[in-house]
Amino acid sequence: AQLTKIKASEAQAVVNWSIVPGQVIVAKNMRQ
Protein backbone atom coordinates (compact mmCIF):
# COMPACT_ATOMS: atom_id res chain seq x y z
CA ALA A 1 0.00 0.00 0.00
CA GLN A 2 2.78 2.44 0.84
CA LEU A 3 4.68 1.69 -2.37
CA THR A 4 1.53 2.38 -4.37
CA LYS A 5 1.21 5.79 -2.74
CA ILE A 6 4.89 6.57 -3.42
CA LYS A 7 4.55 5.61 -7.09
CA ALA A 8 1.45 7.79 -7.43
CA SER A 9 3.29 10.78 -5.93
CA GLU A 10 5.89 10.79 -8.74
CA ALA A 11 8.72 10.78 -6.19
CA GLN A 12 12.20 11.02 -7.69
CA ALA A 13 13.91 9.09 -4.89
CA VAL A 14 13.07 6.66 -2.10
CA VAL A 15 15.31 6.11 0.93
CA ASN A 16 15.05 2.56 2.27
CA TRP A 17 16.83 2.59 5.63
CA SER A 18 16.94 -1.02 6.77
CA ILE A 19 19.41 -3.69 7.87
CA VAL A 20 17.15 -6.68 7.50
CA PRO A 21 16.67 -8.86 4.38
CA GLY A 22 13.30 -7.17 3.86
CA GLN A 23 15.01 -4.24 2.16
CA VAL A 24 15.59 -6.46 -0.89
CA ILE A 25 11.85 -7.07 -1.16
CA VAL A 26 11.20 -3.31 -1.16
CA ALA A 27 13.70 -2.79 -3.99
CA LYS A 28 12.15 -5.60 -6.06
CA ASN A 29 8.62 -4.28 -5.51
CA MET A 30 9.65 -0.76 -6.54
CA ARG A 31 10.89 -2.07 -9.90
CA GLN A 32 7.60 -3.85 -10.65
C-alpha atoms as a PDB file:
ATOM      1  CA  ALA A   1       0.000   0.000   0.000  1.00  0.00           C
ATOM      2  CA  GLN A   2       2.781   2.438   0.836  1.00  0.00           C
ATOM      3  CA  LEU A   3       4.683   1.687  -2.373  1.00  0.00           C
ATOM      4  CA  THR A   4       1.530   2.377  -4.375  1.00  0.00           C
ATOM      5  CA  LYS A   5       1.214   5.792  -2.738  1.00  0.00           C
ATOM      6  CA  ILE A   6       4.886   6.566  -3.416  1.00  0.00           C
ATOM      7  CA  LYS A   7       4.555   5.610  -7.092  1.00  0.00           C
ATOM      8  CA  ALA A   8       1.454   7.793  -7.425  1.00  0.00           C
ATOM      9  CA  SER A   9       3.289  10.776  -5.928  1.00  0.00           C
ATOM     10  CA  GLU A  10       5.890  10.789  -8.744  1.00  0.00           C
ATOM     11  CA  ALA A  11       8.715  10.777  -6.190  1.00  0.00           C
ATOM     12  CA  GLN A  12      12.200  11.021  -7.686  1.00  0.00           C
ATOM     13  CA  ALA A  13      13.912   9.085  -4.892  1.00  0.00           C
ATOM     14  CA  VAL A  14      13.071   6.664  -2.100  1.00  0.00           C
ATOM     15  CA  VAL A  15      15.309   6.106   0.929  1.00  0.00           C
ATOM     16  CA  ASN A  16      15.049   2.563   2.267  1.00  0.00           C
ATOM     17  CA  TRP A  17      16.833   2.590   5.629  1.00  0.00           C
ATOM     18  CA  SER A  18      16.944  -1.024   6.767  1.00  0.00           C
ATOM     19  CA  ILE A  19      19.410  -3.686   7.869  1.00  0.00           C
ATOM     20  CA  VAL A  20      17.149  -6.684   7.502  1.00  0.00           C
ATOM     21  CA  PRO A  21      16.675  -8.856   4.379  1.00  0.00           C
ATOM     22  CA  GLY A  22      13.298  -7.172   3.862  1.00  0.00           C
ATOM     23  CA  GLN A  23      15.007  -4.240   2.161  1.00  0.00           C
ATOM     24  CA  VAL A  24      15.594  -6.458  -0.885  1.00  0.00           C
ATOM     25  CA  ILE A  25      11.852  -7.065  -1.161  1.00  0.00           C
ATOM     26  CA  VAL A  26      11.199  -3.312  -1.158  1.00  0.00           C
ATOM     27  CA  ALA A  27      13.698  -2.794  -3.985  1.00  0.00           C
ATOM     28  CA  LYS A  28      12.151  -5.602  -6.057  1.00  0.00           C
ATOM     29  CA  ASN A  29       8.623  -4.284  -5.513  1.00  0.00           C
ATOM     30  CA  MET A  30       9.651  -0.762  -6.538  1.00  0.00           C
ATOM     31  CA  ARG A  31      10.888  -2.072  -9.904  1.00  0.00           C
ATOM     32  CA  GLN A  32       7.596  -3.846 -10.647  1.00  0.00           C
END
